C-alpha atoms as a PDB file:
ATOM      1  CA  MET A   1      23.980  10.912  29.465  1.00  0.00           C
ATOM      2  CA  ALA A   2      24.775  12.422  32.867  1.00  0.00           C
ATOM      3  CA  ARG A   3      27.356  10.302  34.670  1.00  0.00           C
ATOM      4  CA  ILE A   4      27.261  10.119  38.443  1.00  0.00           C
ATOM      5  CA  THR A   5      30.974   9.343  38.428  1.00  0.00           C
ATOM      6  CA  GLU A   6      31.646  12.721  36.770  1.00  0.00           C
ATOM      7  CA  SER A   7      29.368  14.758  39.030  1.00  0.00           C
ATOM      8  CA  SER A   8      30.860  17.406  41.300  1.00  0.00           C
ATOM      9  CA  SER A   9      32.306  16.351  44.634  1.00  0.00           C
ATOM     10  CA  ARG A  10      30.275  17.008  47.750  1.00  0.00           C
ATOM     11  CA  PHE A  11      33.347  18.809  49.043  1.00  0.00           C
ATOM     12  CA  ASP A  12      35.070  21.923  47.726  1.00  0.00           C
ATOM     13  CA  HIS A  13      38.197  23.971  48.395  1.00  0.00           C
ATOM     14  CA  LEU A  14      40.088  20.770  49.093  1.00  0.00           C
ATOM     15  CA  GLU A  15      43.400  22.594  48.936  1.00  0.00           C
ATOM     16  CA  LYS A  16      42.357  24.642  51.977  1.00  0.00           C
ATOM     17  CA  MET A  17      41.585  21.635  54.163  1.00  0.00           C
ATOM     18  CA  SER A  18      43.928  20.495  56.904  1.00  0.00           C
ATOM     19  CA  THR A  19      45.519  17.096  56.551  1.00  0.00           C
ATOM     20  CA  ALA A  20      43.209  15.747  59.250  1.00  0.00           C
ATOM     21  CA  ASP A  21      40.120  17.052  57.451  1.00  0.00           C
ATOM     22  CA  LEU A  22      41.273  15.603  54.135  1.00  0.00           C
ATOM     23  CA  LEU A  23      41.754  12.191  55.664  1.00  0.00           C
ATOM     24  CA  ARG A  24      38.502  12.257  57.647  1.00  0.00           C
ATOM     25  CA  ASN A  25      36.454  13.389  54.657  1.00  0.00           C
ATOM     26  CA  ILE A  26      37.952  10.806  52.317  1.00  0.00           C
ATOM     27  CA  ASN A  27      37.269   8.142  54.928  1.00  0.00           C
ATOM     28  CA  ALA A  28      33.698   9.373  55.387  1.00  0.00           C
ATOM     29  CA  GLU A  29      33.129   8.946  51.644  1.00  0.00           C
ATOM     30  CA  ASP A  30      34.795   5.528  51.639  1.00  0.00           C
ATOM     31  CA  ARG A  31      32.456   4.279  54.374  1.00  0.00           C
ATOM     32  CA  THR A  32      29.530   4.597  51.968  1.00  0.00           C
ATOM     33  CA  VAL A  33      31.034   2.188  49.434  1.00  0.00           C
ATOM     34  CA  ALA A  34      30.215  -1.093  51.185  1.00  0.00           C
ATOM     35  CA  ASP A  35      26.541  -0.134  51.368  1.00  0.00           C
ATOM     36  CA  ALA A  36      26.483   0.595  47.635  1.00  0.00           C
ATOM     37  CA  VAL A  37      28.096  -2.785  46.935  1.00  0.00           C
ATOM     38  CA  ALA A  38      25.583  -4.558  49.190  1.00  0.00           C
ATOM     39  CA  LYS A  39      22.800  -3.373  46.904  1.00  0.00           C
ATOM     40  CA  CYS A  40      24.467  -5.300  44.048  1.00  0.00           C
ATOM     41  CA  ILE A  41      24.192  -8.678  45.796  1.00  0.00           C
ATOM     42  CA  PRO A  42      20.813  -9.686  44.292  1.00  0.00           C
ATOM     43  CA  ALA A  43      22.252  -9.122  40.810  1.00  0.00           C
ATOM     44  CA  MET A  44      25.575 -10.706  41.734  1.00  0.00           C
ATOM     45  CA  GLU A  45      24.135 -13.993  42.992  1.00  0.00           C
ATOM     46  CA  PRO A  46      22.934 -15.385  39.633  1.00  0.00           C
ATOM     47  CA  LEU A  47      26.167 -14.251  37.975  1.00  0.00           C
ATOM     48  CA  VAL A  48      28.309 -16.123  40.509  1.00  0.00           C
ATOM     49  CA  ASP A  49      26.194 -19.264  40.112  1.00  0.00           C
ATOM     50  CA  ALA A  50      26.419 -19.084  36.320  1.00  0.00           C
ATOM     51  CA  ILE A  51      30.205 -18.551  36.393  1.00  0.00           C
ATOM     52  CA  ALA A  52      30.721 -21.480  38.764  1.00  0.00           C
ATOM     53  CA  GLU A  53      28.590 -23.746  36.598  1.00  0.00           C
ATOM     54  CA  ARG A  54      30.628 -22.904  33.500  1.00  0.00           C
ATOM     55  CA  MET A  55      33.993 -23.129  35.231  1.00  0.00           C
ATOM     56  CA  ALA A  56      33.065 -26.530  36.673  1.00  0.00           C
ATOM     57  CA  ARG A  57      32.899 -27.839  33.121  1.00  0.00           C
ATOM     58  CA  GLY A  58      36.149 -26.230  32.036  1.00  0.00           C
ATOM     59  CA  GLY A  59      35.196 -22.628  31.322  1.00  0.00           C
ATOM     60  CA  ARG A  60      37.363 -19.639  32.145  1.00  0.00           C
ATOM     61  CA  LEU A  61      36.742 -16.220  33.673  1.00  0.00           C
ATOM     62  CA  PHE A  62      37.964 -13.112  31.882  1.00  0.00           C
ATOM     63  CA  TYR A  63      38.106  -9.581  33.252  1.00  0.00           C
ATOM     64  CA  ILE A  64      38.543  -6.766  30.753  1.00  0.00           C
ATOM     65  CA  GLY A  65      38.986  -3.072  31.490  1.00  0.00           C
ATOM     66  CA  ALA A  66      41.031   0.072  30.955  1.00  0.00           C
ATOM     67  CA  GLY A  67      43.134   2.106  33.381  1.00  0.00           C
ATOM     68  CA  THR A  68      42.354   1.513  37.053  1.00  0.00           C
ATOM     69  CA  SER A  69      39.506  -0.851  36.154  1.00  0.00           C
ATOM     70  CA  GLY A  70      41.788  -3.010  34.025  1.00  0.00           C
ATOM     71  CA  ARG A  71      44.474  -3.087  36.701  1.00  0.00           C
ATOM     72  CA  LEU A  72      41.983  -4.192  39.330  1.00  0.00           C
ATOM     73  CA  GLY A  73      40.881  -7.076  37.112  1.00  0.00           C
ATOM     74  CA  ILE A  74      44.478  -8.127  36.566  1.00  0.00           C
ATOM     75  CA  VAL A  75      45.168  -8.043  40.312  1.00  0.00           C
ATOM     76  CA  ASP A  76      42.178 -10.267  41.059  1.00  0.00           C
ATOM     77  CA  ALA A  77      43.035 -12.698  38.269  1.00  0.00           C
ATOM     78  CA  SER A  78      46.693 -12.915  39.290  1.00  0.00           C
ATOM     79  CA  GLU A  79      45.787 -13.716  42.890  1.00  0.00           C
ATOM     80  CA  CYS A  80      43.607 -16.730  42.056  1.00  0.00           C
ATOM     81  CA  PRO A  81      46.394 -19.256  41.308  1.00  0.00           C
ATOM     82  CA  PRO A  82      48.398 -18.664  44.513  1.00  0.00           C
ATOM     83  CA  THR A  83      45.312 -18.343  46.712  1.00  0.00           C
ATOM     84  CA  PHE A  84      43.203 -21.180  45.356  1.00  0.00           C
ATOM     85  CA  GLY A  85      45.691 -23.367  43.483  1.00  0.00           C
ATOM     86  CA  VAL A  86      43.939 -23.024  40.144  1.00  0.00           C
ATOM     87  CA  PRO A  87      46.007 -23.106  36.947  1.00  0.00           C
ATOM     88  CA  HIS A  88      47.169 -19.896  35.317  1.00  0.00           C
ATOM     89  CA  GLY A  89      44.779 -19.101  32.490  1.00  0.00           C
ATOM     90  CA  MET A  90      41.665 -20.132  34.395  1.00  0.00           C
ATOM     91  CA  VAL A  91      41.104 -16.504  35.454  1.00  0.00           C
ATOM     92  CA  VAL A  92      42.527 -13.920  33.059  1.00  0.00           C
ATOM     93  CA  GLY A  93      42.791 -10.142  33.317  1.00  0.00           C
ATOM     94  CA  LEU A  94      43.048  -8.016  30.157  1.00  0.00           C
ATOM     95  CA  ILE A  95      43.775  -4.296  30.012  1.00  0.00           C
ATOM     96  CA  ALA A  96      43.504  -1.757  27.205  1.00  0.00           C
ATOM     97  CA  GLY A  97      46.992  -1.062  25.914  1.00  0.00           C
ATOM     98  CA  GLY A  98      48.382  -4.464  26.893  1.00  0.00           C
ATOM     99  CA  ASP A  99      50.701  -5.383  29.726  1.00  0.00           C
ATOM    100  CA  SER A 100      52.656  -2.128  29.480  1.00  0.00           C
ATOM    101  CA  ALA A 101      49.488  -0.305  30.548  1.00  0.00           C
ATOM    102  CA  ILE A 102      49.609  -2.032  33.929  1.00  0.00           C
ATOM    103  CA  ARG A 103      52.313   0.400  35.023  1.00  0.00           C
ATOM    104  CA  LYS A 104      51.985   3.292  32.602  1.00  0.00           C
ATOM    105  CA  ALA A 105      48.873   4.701  30.931  1.00  0.00           C
ATOM    106  CA  VAL A 106      48.679   4.119  27.182  1.00  0.00           C
ATOM    107  CA  GLU A 107      47.111   7.113  25.482  1.00  0.00           C
ATOM    108  CA  PHE A 108      43.709   6.555  23.872  1.00  0.00           C
ATOM    109  CA  ALA A 109      43.904   2.763  24.307  1.00  0.00           C
ATOM    110  CA  GLU A 110      40.533   2.756  26.033  1.00  0.00           C
ATOM    111  CA  ASP A 111      38.929   4.425  22.986  1.00  0.00           C
ATOM    112  CA  ASP A 112      39.762   1.548  20.627  1.00  0.00           C
ATOM    113  CA  THR A 113      36.535  -0.248  19.698  1.00  0.00           C
ATOM    114  CA  GLU A 114      38.283  -3.215  18.055  1.00  0.00           C
ATOM    115  CA  GLN A 115      41.207  -4.139  20.286  1.00  0.00           C
ATOM    116  CA  GLY A 116      39.182  -5.498  23.189  1.00  0.00           C
ATOM    117  CA  TRP A 117      37.606  -8.213  21.078  1.00  0.00           C
ATOM    118  CA  LYS A 118      40.968  -8.916  19.439  1.00  0.00           C
ATOM    119  CA  ASP A 119      42.476  -9.408  22.899  1.00  0.00           C
ATOM    120  CA  LEU A 120      39.695 -11.839  23.832  1.00  0.00           C
ATOM    121  CA  ARG A 121      39.950 -13.736  20.551  1.00  0.00           C
ATOM    122  CA  GLU A 122      43.612 -14.478  21.301  1.00  0.00           C
ATOM    123  CA  HIS A 123      42.245 -16.677  24.079  1.00  0.00           C
ATOM    124  CA  ALA A 124      39.588 -18.296  21.856  1.00  0.00           C
ATOM    125  CA  VAL A 125      36.744 -17.200  24.117  1.00  0.00           C
ATOM    126  CA  GLY A 126      33.761 -19.541  23.796  1.00  0.00           C
ATOM    127  CA  ALA A 127      30.388 -20.526  25.197  1.00  0.00           C
ATOM    128  CA  ASP A 128      31.687 -21.968  28.489  1.00  0.00           C
ATOM    129  CA  ASP A 129      33.669 -18.812  29.260  1.00  0.00           C
ATOM    130  CA  THR A 130      32.595 -15.703  31.154  1.00  0.00           C
ATOM    131  CA  VAL A 131      33.674 -12.162  30.294  1.00  0.00           C
ATOM    132  CA  ILE A 132      33.208  -9.398  32.855  1.00  0.00           C
ATOM    133  CA  GLY A 133      33.754  -5.844  31.663  1.00  0.00           C
ATOM    134  CA  ILE A 134      34.983  -3.414  34.315  1.00  0.00           C
ATOM    135  CA  ALA A 135      34.289   0.270  33.635  1.00  0.00           C
ATOM    136  CA  ALA A 136      33.515   2.810  36.339  1.00  0.00           C
ATOM    137  CA  SER A 137      32.055   5.227  33.801  1.00  0.00           C
ATOM    138  CA  GLY A 138      30.242   2.452  31.963  1.00  0.00           C
ATOM    139  CA  GLY A 139      31.103   3.927  28.600  1.00  0.00           C
ATOM    140  CA  THR A 140      34.676   2.780  27.890  1.00  0.00           C
ATOM    141  CA  PRO A 141      34.651   1.877  24.158  1.00  0.00           C
ATOM    142  CA  TYR A 142      37.326  -0.828  24.544  1.00  0.00           C
ATOM    143  CA  VAL A 143      35.165  -2.599  27.139  1.00  0.00           C
ATOM    144  CA  VAL A 144      31.722  -2.004  25.640  1.00  0.00           C
ATOM    145  CA  ALA A 145      32.679  -3.324  22.208  1.00  0.00           C
ATOM    146  CA  ALA A 146      34.508  -6.330  23.669  1.00  0.00           C
ATOM    147  CA  LEU A 147      31.492  -7.305  25.767  1.00  0.00           C
ATOM    148  CA  LYS A 148      29.112  -6.898  22.864  1.00  0.00           C
ATOM    149  CA  ASN A 149      31.207  -9.221  20.714  1.00  0.00           C
ATOM    150  CA  ALA A 150      31.771 -11.738  23.499  1.00  0.00           C
ATOM    151  CA  ARG A 151      28.042 -11.952  24.098  1.00  0.00           C
ATOM    152  CA  ALA A 152      27.422 -12.472  20.393  1.00  0.00           C
ATOM    153  CA  ALA A 153      29.963 -15.294  20.468  1.00  0.00           C
ATOM    154  CA  GLY A 154      27.955 -17.073  23.151  1.00  0.00           C
ATOM    155  CA  ALA A 155      30.031 -16.251  26.230  1.00  0.00           C
ATOM    156  CA  LEU A 156      28.345 -15.361  29.497  1.00  0.00           C
ATOM    157  CA  THR A 157      28.809 -11.652  30.074  1.00  0.00           C
ATOM    158  CA  GLY A 158      28.656  -9.289  33.038  1.00  0.00           C
ATOM    159  CA  CYS A 159      29.906  -5.848  33.960  1.00  0.00           C
ATOM    160  CA  ILE A 160      30.969  -3.861  37.004  1.00  0.00           C
ATOM    161  CA  THR A 161      30.183  -0.165  36.736  1.00  0.00           C
ATOM    162  CA  CYS A 162      29.160   2.783  38.876  1.00  0.00           C
ATOM    163  CA  ASN A 163      26.738   4.453  36.466  1.00  0.00           C
ATOM    164  CA  PRO A 164      23.214   3.055  35.993  1.00  0.00           C
ATOM    165  CA  GLU A 165      21.907   2.639  32.448  1.00  0.00           C
ATOM    166  CA  SER A 166      25.368   3.272  31.011  1.00  0.00           C
ATOM    167  CA  PRO A 167      26.326   1.646  27.679  1.00  0.00           C
ATOM    168  CA  VAL A 168      28.166  -1.274  29.286  1.00  0.00           C
ATOM    169  CA  THR A 169      25.008  -2.331  31.154  1.00  0.00           C
ATOM    170  CA  LEU A 170      23.136  -2.688  27.873  1.00  0.00           C
ATOM    171  CA  VAL A 171      25.514  -5.153  26.208  1.00  0.00           C
ATOM    172  CA  CYS A 172      25.850  -7.824  28.892  1.00  0.00           C
ATOM    173  CA  ASP A 173      23.741 -10.478  30.609  1.00  0.00           C
ATOM    174  CA  HIS A 174      24.484  -9.519  34.209  1.00  0.00           C
ATOM    175  CA  PRO A 175      25.109  -5.811  34.906  1.00  0.00           C
ATOM    176  CA  LEU A 176      26.374  -4.946  38.396  1.00  0.00           C
ATOM    177  CA  VAL A 177      25.950  -1.264  39.211  1.00  0.00           C
ATOM    178  CA  ALA A 178      27.465   0.114  42.416  1.00  0.00           C
ATOM    179  CA  GLU A 179      26.180   3.662  42.721  1.00  0.00           C
ATOM    180  CA  VAL A 180      28.824   5.159  44.973  1.00  0.00           C
ATOM    181  CA  GLY A 181      28.042   8.762  44.067  1.00  0.00           C
ATOM    182  CA  PRO A 182      30.470  11.558  43.241  1.00  0.00           C
ATOM    183  CA  GLU A 183      34.136  11.133  44.061  1.00  0.00           C
ATOM    184  CA  PHE A 184      35.942  13.164  46.738  1.00  0.00           C
ATOM    185  CA  VAL A 185      38.099  14.589  43.958  1.00  0.00           C
ATOM    186  CA  THR A 186      35.626  15.157  41.141  1.00  0.00           C
ATOM    187  CA  GLY A 187      35.892  12.426  38.503  1.00  0.00           C
ATOM    188  CA  SER A 188      38.722  10.534  40.226  1.00  0.00           C
ATOM    189  CA  THR A 189      37.227   7.070  39.869  1.00  0.00           C
ATOM    190  CA  ARG A 190      40.337   5.417  41.291  1.00  0.00           C
ATOM    191  CA  MET A 191      38.810   6.320  44.656  1.00  0.00           C
ATOM    192  CA  LYS A 192      35.286   5.166  45.643  1.00  0.00           C
ATOM    193  CA  SER A 193      34.512   3.596  42.274  1.00  0.00           C
ATOM    194  CA  GLY A 194      37.766   1.668  42.301  1.00  0.00           C
ATOM    195  CA  THR A 195      37.143   0.518  45.863  1.00  0.00           C
ATOM    196  CA  ALA A 196      33.672  -0.717  44.905  1.00  0.00           C
ATOM    197  CA  GLN A 197      35.077  -2.585  41.917  1.00  0.00           C
ATOM    198  CA  LYS A 198      37.739  -4.243  44.088  1.00  0.00           C
ATOM    199  CA  LEU A 199      35.140  -5.338  46.638  1.00  0.00           C
ATOM    200  CA  ILE A 200      32.920  -6.827  43.938  1.00  0.00           C
ATOM    201  CA  LEU A 201      35.821  -8.634  42.287  1.00  0.00           C
ATOM    202  CA  ASN A 202      36.785 -10.115  45.664  1.00  0.00           C
ATOM    203  CA  MET A 203      33.220 -11.282  46.183  1.00  0.00           C
ATOM    204  CA  ILE A 204      32.885 -12.845  42.738  1.00  0.00           C
ATOM    205  CA  SER A 205      36.182 -14.721  42.577  1.00  0.00           C
ATOM    206  CA  THR A 206      36.137 -15.876  46.208  1.00  0.00           C
ATOM    207  CA  SER A 207      32.532 -17.099  46.014  1.00  0.00           C
ATOM    208  CA  VAL A 208      33.178 -18.912  42.728  1.00  0.00           C
ATOM    209  CA  MET A 209      36.291 -20.610  44.076  1.00  0.00           C
ATOM    210  CA  ILE A 210      34.458 -21.726  47.211  1.00  0.00           C
ATOM    211  CA  LYS A 211      31.672 -23.174  45.059  1.00  0.00           C
ATOM    212  CA  LEU A 212      34.310 -25.003  42.999  1.00  0.00           C
ATOM    213  CA  GLY A 213      35.626 -26.674  46.176  1.00  0.00           C
ATOM    214  CA  ARG A 214      38.828 -24.664  46.455  1.00  0.00           C
ATOM    215  CA  VAL A 215      38.175 -23.843  50.123  1.00  0.00           C
ATOM    216  CA  LYS A 216      37.523 -26.399  52.863  1.00  0.00           C
ATOM    217  CA  GLY A 217      35.901 -25.132  56.039  1.00  0.00           C
ATOM    218  CA  ASN A 218      37.378 -21.661  55.943  1.00  0.00           C
ATOM    219  CA  ARG A 219      40.875 -22.626  54.788  1.00  0.00           C
ATOM    220  CA  MET A 220      42.763 -22.145  51.521  1.00  0.00           C
ATOM    221  CA  VAL A 221      43.647 -25.824  51.272  1.00  0.00           C
ATOM    222  CA  ASP A 222      44.944 -25.550  47.695  1.00  0.00           C
ATOM    223  CA  MET A 223      47.089 -22.422  48.133  1.00  0.00           C
ATOM    224  CA  GLN A 224      50.524 -22.429  46.547  1.00  0.00           C
ATOM    225  CA  LEU A 225      53.371 -22.768  49.048  1.00  0.00           C
ATOM    226  CA  SER A 226      55.426 -20.013  47.476  1.00  0.00           C
ATOM    227  CA  ASN A 227      57.131 -18.508  50.534  1.00  0.00           C
ATOM    228  CA  ASN A 228      58.038 -19.323  54.134  1.00  0.00           C
ATOM    229  CA  LYS A 229      54.992 -17.541  55.546  1.00  0.00           C
ATOM    230  CA  LEU A 230      52.664 -19.691  53.464  1.00  0.00           C
ATOM    231  CA  VAL A 231      54.551 -22.876  54.320  1.00  0.00           C
ATOM    232  CA  ASP A 232      54.138 -22.003  57.995  1.00  0.00           C
ATOM    233  CA  ARG A 233      50.434 -21.233  57.497  1.00  0.00           C
ATOM    234  CA  GLY A 234      49.963 -24.492  55.615  1.00  0.00           C
ATOM    235  CA  THR A 235      51.770 -26.425  58.308  1.00  0.00           C
ATOM    236  CA  ARG A 236      49.457 -25.060  60.979  1.00  0.00           C
ATOM    237  CA  MET A 237      46.452 -25.921  58.840  1.00  0.00           C
ATOM    238  CA  VAL A 238      47.677 -29.517  58.595  1.00  0.00           C
ATOM    239  CA  MET A 239      48.228 -29.542  62.370  1.00  0.00           C
ATOM    240  CA  ASP A 240      44.627 -28.453  62.917  1.00  0.00           C
ATOM    241  CA  GLY A 241      43.293 -30.911  60.367  1.00  0.00           C
ATOM    242  CA  LEU A 242      45.121 -33.945  61.732  1.00  0.00           C
ATOM    243  CA  GLY A 243      45.853 -33.108  65.350  1.00  0.00           C
ATOM    244  CA  VAL A 244      49.607 -33.675  64.908  1.00  0.00           C
ATOM    245  CA  ASP A 245      52.640 -31.677  66.000  1.00  0.00           C
ATOM    246  CA  TYR A 246      54.338 -28.994  63.913  1.00  0.00           C
ATOM    247  CA  ASP A 247      57.238 -31.115  62.642  1.00  0.00           C
ATOM    248  CA  THR A 248      54.970 -33.968  61.572  1.00  0.00           C
ATOM    249  CA  ALA A 249      52.620 -31.570  59.814  1.00  0.00           C
ATOM    250  CA  ASN A 250      55.486 -29.775  58.113  1.00  0.00           C
ATOM    251  CA  ALA A 251      56.951 -33.030  56.844  1.00  0.00           C
ATOM    252  CA  LEU A 252      53.591 -34.112  55.436  1.00  0.00           C
ATOM    253  CA  LEU A 253      53.082 -30.752  53.778  1.00  0.00           C
ATOM    254  CA  LYS A 254      56.490 -30.814  52.115  1.00  0.00           C
ATOM    255  CA  LYS A 255      56.000 -34.397  50.976  1.00  0.00           C
ATOM    256  CA  TYR A 256      52.577 -33.910  49.414  1.00  0.00           C
ATOM    257  CA  GLY A 257      52.851 -30.262  48.318  1.00  0.00           C
ATOM    258  CA  SER A 258      49.467 -28.969  49.466  1.00  0.00           C
ATOM    259  CA  VAL A 259      47.369 -28.773  52.601  1.00  0.00           C
ATOM    260  CA  ARG A 260      44.563 -30.770  51.001  1.00  0.00           C
ATOM    261  CA  LYS A 261      46.806 -33.651  49.922  1.00  0.00           C
ATOM    262  CA  ALA A 262      48.734 -33.654  53.197  1.00  0.00           C
ATOM    263  CA  VAL A 263      45.551 -33.904  55.276  1.00  0.00           C
ATOM    264  CA  GLU A 264      44.055 -36.564  53.008  1.00  0.00           C
ATOM    265  CA  ALA A 265      47.259 -38.635  53.203  1.00  0.00           C
ATOM    266  CA  GLY A 266      47.473 -38.197  56.968  1.00  0.00           C
ATOM    267  CA  LYS A 267      43.986 -39.598  57.431  1.00  0.00           C
ATOM    268  CA  LEU A 268      44.766 -42.823  55.555  1.00  0.00           C
END
């Protein structure tokens, strides 16, 4: 199967380009990514609705990938608790090679056809859970086999890839294919493909969390107050919500521990 992600760059003799030309040409390629992602929205909509429905009754969301794809899933999963106040373990990122692969590539981990399902089974994946495989190429054995087994176990399954009709699209319920075309550096899917995957992950997790009530208006009312910047942001959100001064809002926030609870208490 011919893979778009492995096709030759539209540019050549990169080493002869000036710094300005390198940057402009990379940026020109990057500008095409959002349009490719937009074409995924019709396929993304039913997936988001199905995830939200399952998570509302206690299901979890799993991302599974290798290399850059796996790291992107882990980043998105790790940002959900502080951003939306959900418990750790509600959104989980898994990467071929385990946690050590987050920083350093583990040789041939992505070629293991058994480990992906083993990693998912450690979390007792079931019918209310969703598993999204992330694979730019669409053929990563670790991901393909894991998705196939998760689907057989009754979990909702989806994938994020950049190659149409690739193996990963054939083993899941909701394939999302962002056809971003060849990379600026041939085959370097950490570039446009990775950007597309990040955009889609943002869209999925943010939309699901909004549907689960984790955003009010346009504010992260359940965010964790884990540093001074966030305490200040939360204080100003309470000020806006209640029409009180900074000190009053700050005291309420510190007493109740979240913007949502502080505003609710202040309205009593």
